[in-house]
Amino acid sequence: MKKNKLEILDCKEYDIEEIFQIVSASGSIFLKCVLDNVIVGYIMARQVFDEVDIINVAIKKDCRAMGLGSKMMEKILSLSDNISIYSLEVRESNIPAIGLYEKFGFKRIGIRKNYYQSPKEDGLIMVRSNRC
């Protein structure tokens, strides 16, 4: 019986396309924000049935406060009428992001202690429900 060689390694830039193919087939949502032909932000989420968990939203520092986060949130929230709940976590200190999410109807429902590292910080759990 032949033994298979298994390695768990850090991802490199050249691995991204192959990883994207694996992940995109499993209910993941990836959106990029392009300004003047340059990617300046992205949003990653995962859909399971009628729920979407927004995993990460990022905008390049020099492109913040330009309304790009709002445009990405508008896009992800418009992808399907069949979503009943959107959820996410955000650093307690990230006041601009919290304001953005509240603008789109997200409510604070809890705290995940020490959710973030470097620096260690609690994460606010926020949810937007489309249920009546």
N, C-alpha and C. Protein backbone atom coordinates (compact mmCIF):
# COMPACT_ATOMS: atom_id res chain seq x y z
N MET A 1 0.84 -1.18 0.00
CA MET A 1 0.00 0.00 0.00
C MET A 1 0.89 1.25 0.00
N LYS A 2 0.62 2.13 -0.95
CA LYS A 2 1.40 3.35 -1.09
C LYS A 2 0.93 4.39 -0.08
N LYS A 3 1.90 5.01 0.59
CA LYS A 3 1.56 6.10 1.51
C LYS A 3 1.54 7.41 0.75
N ASN A 4 0.51 8.21 1.02
CA ASN A 4 0.43 9.53 0.41
C ASN A 4 1.19 10.53 1.26
N LYS A 5 1.86 11.46 0.62
CA LYS A 5 2.61 12.49 1.32
C LYS A 5 1.66 13.67 1.57
N LEU A 6 1.44 14.00 2.83
CA LEU A 6 0.56 15.10 3.21
C LEU A 6 1.39 16.21 3.82
N GLU A 7 1.14 17.44 3.37
CA GLU A 7 1.80 18.61 3.93
C GLU A 7 0.75 19.69 4.16
N ILE A 8 0.88 20.41 5.25
CA ILE A 8 0.05 21.58 5.53
C ILE A 8 0.98 22.77 5.47
N LEU A 9 0.78 23.64 4.49
CA LEU A 9 1.73 24.72 4.21
C LEU A 9 1.03 26.07 4.17
N ASP A 10 1.81 27.13 4.37
CA ASP A 10 1.29 28.48 4.19
C ASP A 10 0.93 28.68 2.72
N CYS A 11 -0.13 29.43 2.46
CA CYS A 11 -0.51 29.74 1.08
C CYS A 11 0.42 30.81 0.53
N LYS A 12 0.71 30.67 -0.73
CA LYS A 12 1.51 31.66 -1.45
C LYS A 12 0.64 32.33 -2.50
N GLU A 13 1.09 33.44 -3.01
CA GLU A 13 0.33 34.19 -3.99
C GLU A 13 -0.08 33.33 -5.18
N TYR A 14 0.80 32.47 -5.62
CA TYR A 14 0.51 31.65 -6.80
C TYR A 14 -0.51 30.55 -6.52
N ASP A 15 -0.88 30.33 -5.26
CA ASP A 15 -1.88 29.32 -4.90
C ASP A 15 -3.32 29.85 -4.99
N ILE A 16 -3.48 31.16 -5.06
CA ILE A 16 -4.79 31.78 -4.92
C ILE A 16 -5.80 31.28 -5.94
N GLU A 17 -5.44 31.16 -7.19
CA GLU A 17 -6.39 30.74 -8.21
C GLU A 17 -6.94 29.34 -7.93
N GLU A 18 -6.07 28.42 -7.56
CA GLU A 18 -6.50 27.06 -7.26
C GLU A 18 -7.38 27.02 -6.02
N ILE A 19 -7.01 27.76 -5.00
CA ILE A 19 -7.82 27.83 -3.78
C ILE A 19 -9.18 28.45 -4.08
N PHE A 20 -9.19 29.49 -4.88
CA PHE A 20 -10.43 30.15 -5.25
C PHE A 20 -11.38 29.17 -5.93
N GLN A 21 -10.88 28.32 -6.81
CA GLN A 21 -11.71 27.34 -7.49
C GLN A 21 -12.34 26.36 -6.49
N ILE A 22 -11.59 25.95 -5.49
CA ILE A 22 -12.11 25.02 -4.49
C ILE A 22 -13.19 25.69 -3.64
N VAL A 23 -12.88 26.88 -3.15
CA VAL A 23 -13.78 27.57 -2.23
C VAL A 23 -15.03 28.08 -2.93
N SER A 24 -14.90 28.57 -4.14
CA SER A 24 -16.05 29.15 -4.83
C SER A 24 -17.11 28.11 -5.17
N ALA A 25 -16.75 26.86 -5.16
CA ALA A 25 -17.72 25.80 -5.44
C ALA A 25 -18.50 25.40 -4.18
N SER A 26 -18.22 26.03 -3.06
CA SER A 26 -18.81 25.58 -1.80
C SER A 26 -19.70 26.63 -1.12
N GLY A 27 -20.36 27.48 -1.90
CA GLY A 27 -21.28 28.45 -1.31
C GLY A 27 -20.63 29.75 -0.87
N SER A 28 -19.37 29.94 -1.22
CA SER A 28 -18.69 31.17 -0.85
C SER A 28 -19.00 32.27 -1.86
N ILE A 29 -18.96 33.49 -1.36
CA ILE A 29 -19.21 34.67 -2.19
C ILE A 29 -17.99 35.56 -2.09
N PHE A 30 -17.43 35.93 -3.23
CA PHE A 30 -16.30 36.84 -3.28
C PHE A 30 -16.66 37.99 -4.21
N LEU A 31 -16.56 39.20 -3.71
CA LEU A 31 -16.78 40.38 -4.54
C LEU A 31 -15.56 41.28 -4.42
N LYS A 32 -15.15 41.88 -5.52
CA LYS A 32 -14.04 42.82 -5.47
C LYS A 32 -14.55 44.21 -5.81
N CYS A 33 -13.87 45.20 -5.26
CA CYS A 33 -14.20 46.59 -5.52
C CYS A 33 -13.07 47.15 -6.38
N VAL A 34 -13.41 47.61 -7.58
CA VAL A 34 -12.41 48.07 -8.55
C VAL A 34 -12.63 49.56 -8.81
N LEU A 35 -11.58 50.33 -8.60
CA LEU A 35 -11.61 51.77 -8.82
C LEU A 35 -10.52 52.12 -9.82
N ASP A 36 -10.90 52.68 -10.95
CA ASP A 36 -9.94 53.02 -12.01
C ASP A 36 -9.06 51.83 -12.38
N ASN A 37 -9.69 50.68 -12.57
CA ASN A 37 -9.03 49.43 -12.99
C ASN A 37 -8.07 48.85 -11.96
N VAL A 38 -8.19 49.26 -10.70
CA VAL A 38 -7.33 48.74 -9.62
C VAL A 38 -8.24 48.16 -8.53
N ILE A 39 -7.94 46.95 -8.07
CA ILE A 39 -8.70 46.37 -6.96
C ILE A 39 -8.32 47.12 -5.69
N VAL A 40 -9.32 47.73 -5.06
CA VAL A 40 -9.07 48.51 -3.85
C VAL A 40 -9.80 47.94 -2.63
N GLY A 41 -10.57 46.87 -2.84
CA GLY A 41 -11.28 46.27 -1.72
C GLY A 41 -11.92 44.97 -2.11
N TYR A 42 -12.43 44.28 -1.10
CA TYR A 42 -13.12 43.02 -1.36
C TYR A 42 -14.06 42.72 -0.20
N ILE A 43 -14.98 41.82 -0.49
CA ILE A 43 -15.88 41.31 0.54
C ILE A 43 -15.98 39.80 0.32
N MET A 44 -15.88 39.05 1.42
CA MET A 44 -16.00 37.59 1.38
C MET A 44 -17.15 37.19 2.28
N ALA A 45 -17.94 36.24 1.82
CA ALA A 45 -19.07 35.77 2.61
C ALA A 45 -19.32 34.30 2.30
N ARG A 46 -20.13 33.69 3.13
CA ARG A 46 -20.47 32.29 2.94
C ARG A 46 -21.97 32.15 3.10
N GLN A 47 -22.61 31.55 2.11
CA GLN A 47 -24.05 31.33 2.17
C GLN A 47 -24.34 29.87 2.47
N VAL A 48 -25.19 29.66 3.48
CA VAL A 48 -25.70 28.34 3.81
C VAL A 48 -27.21 28.48 3.90
N PHE A 49 -27.89 27.84 2.96
CA PHE A 49 -29.34 27.94 2.84
C PHE A 49 -29.76 29.40 2.72
N ASP A 50 -30.55 29.92 3.67
CA ASP A 50 -31.04 31.30 3.57
C ASP A 50 -30.27 32.27 4.47
N GLU A 51 -29.06 31.89 4.87
CA GLU A 51 -28.25 32.75 5.73
C GLU A 51 -26.91 33.05 5.07
N VAL A 52 -26.44 34.28 5.25
CA VAL A 52 -25.14 34.69 4.75
C VAL A 52 -24.32 35.21 5.91
N ASP A 53 -23.12 34.65 6.07
CA ASP A 53 -22.16 35.12 7.07
C ASP A 53 -21.09 35.91 6.33
N ILE A 54 -21.02 37.20 6.60
CA ILE A 54 -20.01 38.05 5.98
C ILE A 54 -18.72 37.86 6.77
N ILE A 55 -17.73 37.29 6.12
CA ILE A 55 -16.49 36.89 6.78
C ILE A 55 -15.50 38.04 6.85
N ASN A 56 -15.39 38.80 5.76
CA ASN A 56 -14.40 39.87 5.73
C ASN A 56 -14.81 40.95 4.74
N VAL A 57 -14.61 42.20 5.16
CA VAL A 57 -14.79 43.35 4.30
C VAL A 57 -13.53 44.19 4.45
N ALA A 58 -12.89 44.53 3.35
CA ALA A 58 -11.65 45.32 3.44
C ALA A 58 -11.58 46.31 2.30
N ILE A 59 -11.08 47.51 2.63
CA ILE A 59 -10.83 48.58 1.67
C ILE A 59 -9.41 49.08 1.94
N LYS A 60 -8.63 49.32 0.88
CA LYS A 60 -7.29 49.89 1.05
C LYS A 60 -7.40 51.19 1.85
N LYS A 61 -6.43 51.41 2.74
CA LYS A 61 -6.48 52.58 3.63
C LYS A 61 -6.65 53.89 2.88
N ASP A 62 -5.94 54.06 1.78
CA ASP A 62 -6.02 55.34 1.06
C ASP A 62 -7.31 55.49 0.25
N CYS A 63 -8.18 54.49 0.29
CA CYS A 63 -9.46 54.56 -0.44
C CYS A 63 -10.66 54.55 0.51
N ARG A 64 -10.40 54.65 1.79
CA ARG A 64 -11.51 54.66 2.77
C ARG A 64 -12.18 56.02 2.79
N ALA A 65 -13.37 56.07 3.34
CA ALA A 65 -14.18 57.29 3.44
C ALA A 65 -14.56 57.83 2.07
N MET A 66 -14.68 56.93 1.09
CA MET A 66 -15.10 57.32 -0.26
C MET A 66 -16.44 56.67 -0.62
N GLY A 67 -17.07 55.96 0.32
CA GLY A 67 -18.35 55.31 0.06
C GLY A 67 -18.23 53.94 -0.58
N LEU A 68 -17.02 53.41 -0.68
CA LEU A 68 -16.82 52.12 -1.34
C LEU A 68 -17.38 50.97 -0.50
N GLY A 69 -17.24 51.06 0.81
CA GLY A 69 -17.81 50.04 1.69
C GLY A 69 -19.32 49.97 1.54
N SER A 70 -19.95 51.12 1.42
CA SER A 70 -21.40 51.16 1.21
C SER A 70 -21.79 50.51 -0.11
N LYS A 71 -21.02 50.77 -1.15
CA LYS A 71 -21.32 50.17 -2.46
C LYS A 71 -21.20 48.65 -2.39
N MET A 72 -20.17 48.16 -1.69
CA MET A 72 -20.02 46.70 -1.58
C MET A 72 -21.14 46.10 -0.75
N MET A 73 -21.55 46.76 0.33
CA MET A 73 -22.66 46.25 1.14
C MET A 73 -23.95 46.24 0.33
N GLU A 74 -24.19 47.30 -0.44
CA GLU A 74 -25.38 47.33 -1.30
C GLU A 74 -25.39 46.14 -2.24
N LYS A 75 -24.24 45.84 -2.81
CA LYS A 75 -24.14 44.74 -3.77
C LYS A 75 -24.41 43.39 -3.10
N ILE A 76 -23.76 43.12 -1.98
CA ILE A 76 -23.94 41.80 -1.36
C ILE A 76 -25.35 41.63 -0.83
N LEU A 77 -25.95 42.71 -0.35
CA LEU A 77 -27.33 42.61 0.16
C LEU A 77 -28.35 42.48 -0.95
N SER A 78 -27.95 42.78 -2.19
CA SER A 78 -28.89 42.69 -3.31
C SER A 78 -28.75 41.40 -4.12
N LEU A 79 -27.85 40.52 -3.72
CA LEU A 79 -27.59 39.32 -4.52
C LEU A 79 -28.76 38.34 -4.56
N SER A 80 -29.57 38.32 -3.51
CA SER A 80 -30.69 37.37 -3.48
C SER A 80 -31.81 37.89 -2.60
N ASP A 81 -33.03 37.67 -3.04
CA ASP A 81 -34.20 38.01 -2.23
C ASP A 81 -34.52 36.91 -1.23
N ASN A 82 -33.84 35.78 -1.34
CA ASN A 82 -34.15 34.61 -0.51
C ASN A 82 -33.32 34.53 0.76
N ILE A 83 -32.54 35.55 1.07
CA ILE A 83 -31.72 35.54 2.27
C ILE A 83 -32.52 36.11 3.43
N SER A 84 -32.59 35.37 4.53
CA SER A 84 -33.36 35.86 5.68
C SER A 84 -32.47 36.49 6.74
N ILE A 85 -31.22 36.08 6.82
CA ILE A 85 -30.32 36.61 7.86
C ILE A 85 -28.93 36.83 7.29
N TYR A 86 -28.37 37.99 7.56
CA TYR A 86 -26.96 38.28 7.31
C TYR A 86 -26.30 38.47 8.67
N SER A 87 -25.10 37.92 8.85
CA SER A 87 -24.40 38.09 10.11
C SER A 87 -22.93 38.41 9.85
N LEU A 88 -22.28 39.01 10.85
CA LEU A 88 -20.86 39.34 10.76
C LEU A 88 -20.32 39.63 12.15
N GLU A 89 -19.00 39.67 12.24
CA GLU A 89 -18.31 40.13 13.43
C GLU A 89 -17.47 41.33 13.04
N VAL A 90 -17.31 42.26 13.97
CA VAL A 90 -16.51 43.46 13.74
C VAL A 90 -15.81 43.84 15.04
N ARG A 91 -14.58 44.34 14.92
CA ARG A 91 -13.85 44.80 16.11
C ARG A 91 -14.66 45.88 16.82
N GLU A 92 -14.68 45.82 18.15
CA GLU A 92 -15.39 46.83 18.93
C GLU A 92 -14.87 48.24 18.67
N SER A 93 -13.59 48.35 18.34
CA SER A 93 -12.98 49.66 18.12
C SER A 93 -13.18 50.20 16.70
N ASN A 94 -13.74 49.40 15.80
CA ASN A 94 -13.89 49.82 14.41
C ASN A 94 -15.19 50.60 14.23
N ILE A 95 -15.19 51.81 14.76
CA ILE A 95 -16.39 52.65 14.77
C ILE A 95 -16.90 52.94 13.36
N PRO A 96 -16.02 53.24 12.37
CA PRO A 96 -16.55 53.48 11.02
C PRO A 96 -17.28 52.26 10.45
N ALA A 97 -16.73 51.06 10.65
CA ALA A 97 -17.39 49.85 10.12
C ALA A 97 -18.71 49.59 10.84
N ILE A 98 -18.73 49.77 12.15
CA ILE A 98 -19.97 49.58 12.91
C ILE A 98 -21.05 50.53 12.38
N GLY A 99 -20.67 51.78 12.15
CA GLY A 99 -21.61 52.75 11.58
C GLY A 99 -22.12 52.33 10.21
N LEU A 100 -21.22 51.80 9.39
CA LEU A 100 -21.61 51.31 8.06
C LEU A 100 -22.64 50.19 8.19
N TYR A 101 -22.36 49.22 9.03
CA TYR A 101 -23.27 48.08 9.17
C TYR A 101 -24.61 48.51 9.75
N GLU A 102 -24.59 49.42 10.73
CA GLU A 102 -25.85 49.91 11.30
C GLU A 102 -26.66 50.67 10.24
N LYS A 103 -25.99 51.39 9.37
CA LYS A 103 -26.66 52.10 8.27
C LYS A 103 -27.44 51.13 7.38
N PHE A 104 -26.95 49.89 7.27
CA PHE A 104 -27.61 48.88 6.45
C PHE A 104 -28.51 47.95 7.26
N GLY A 105 -28.86 48.36 8.48
CA GLY A 105 -29.85 47.63 9.25
C GLY A 105 -29.31 46.53 10.14
N PHE A 106 -28.00 46.44 10.30
CA PHE A 106 -27.44 45.44 11.20
C PHE A 106 -27.60 45.91 12.64
N LYS A 107 -27.91 44.97 13.52
CA LYS A 107 -28.08 45.24 14.95
C LYS A 107 -27.04 44.46 15.75
N ARG A 108 -26.60 45.04 16.84
CA ARG A 108 -25.66 44.37 17.74
C ARG A 108 -26.42 43.35 18.57
N ILE A 109 -25.98 42.10 18.53
CA ILE A 109 -26.71 41.08 19.30
C ILE A 109 -25.83 40.36 20.32
N GLY A 110 -24.53 40.62 20.31
CA GLY A 110 -23.66 39.94 21.27
C GLY A 110 -22.21 40.30 21.08
N ILE A 111 -21.38 39.67 21.91
CA ILE A 111 -19.93 39.91 21.87
C ILE A 111 -19.22 38.56 21.88
N ARG A 112 -18.19 38.45 21.05
CA ARG A 112 -17.29 37.29 21.09
C ARG A 112 -16.01 37.76 21.78
N LYS A 113 -15.79 37.28 23.00
CA LYS A 113 -14.62 37.68 23.78
C LYS A 113 -13.33 37.26 23.08
N ASN A 114 -12.39 38.19 23.02
CA ASN A 114 -11.06 37.94 22.45
C ASN A 114 -11.12 37.31 21.05
N TYR A 115 -12.07 37.71 20.26
CA TYR A 115 -12.27 37.15 18.92
C TYR A 115 -11.11 37.50 17.99
N TYR A 116 -10.60 38.70 18.12
CA TYR A 116 -9.51 39.18 17.26
C TYR A 116 -8.17 39.08 17.98
N GLN A 117 -7.13 38.87 17.20
CA GLN A 117 -5.76 38.83 17.69
C GLN A 117 -4.97 39.97 17.04
N SER A 118 -3.89 40.35 17.63
CA SER A 118 -2.95 41.35 17.07
C SER A 118 -3.60 42.64 16.65
N PRO A 119 -4.10 43.46 17.53
CA PRO A 119 -4.15 43.27 18.97
C PRO A 119 -5.40 42.48 19.38
N LYS A 120 -5.31 41.88 20.54
CA LYS A 120 -6.43 41.12 21.09
C LYS A 120 -7.59 42.07 21.35
N GLU A 121 -8.77 41.68 20.90
CA GLU A 121 -9.94 42.55 21.04
C GLU A 121 -11.21 41.73 20.89
N ASP A 122 -12.27 42.18 21.57
CA ASP A 122 -13.57 41.54 21.44
C ASP A 122 -14.18 41.88 20.08
N GLY A 123 -15.02 40.97 19.59
CA GLY A 123 -15.74 41.21 18.35
C GLY A 123 -17.22 41.38 18.64
N LEU A 124 -17.82 42.39 18.05
CA LEU A 124 -19.27 42.56 18.13
C LEU A 124 -19.92 41.64 17.11
N ILE A 125 -20.95 40.93 17.53
CA ILE A 125 -21.74 40.12 16.60
C ILE A 125 -22.90 41.00 16.15
N MET A 126 -23.04 41.15 14.83
CA MET A 126 -24.10 41.98 14.28
C MET A 126 -24.91 41.15 13.29
N VAL A 127 -26.22 41.39 13.28
CA VAL A 127 -27.13 40.62 12.43
C VAL A 127 -28.13 41.56 11.78
N ARG A 128 -28.43 41.23 10.54
CA ARG A 128 -29.53 41.91 9.83
C ARG A 128 -30.52 40.82 9.44
N SER A 129 -31.75 40.98 9.89
CA SER A 129 -32.78 39.99 9.60
C SER A 129 -33.75 40.55 8.58
N ASN A 130 -34.02 39.74 7.55
CA ASN A 130 -35.03 40.12 6.55
C ASN A 130 -36.35 39.42 6.81
N ARG A 131 -36.43 38.72 7.92
CA ARG A 131 -37.68 38.03 8.28
C ARG A 131 -38.69 39.03 8.80
N CYS A 132 -39.94 38.80 8.52
CA CYS A 132 -41.00 39.70 8.99
C CYS A 132 -41.26 39.53 10.47
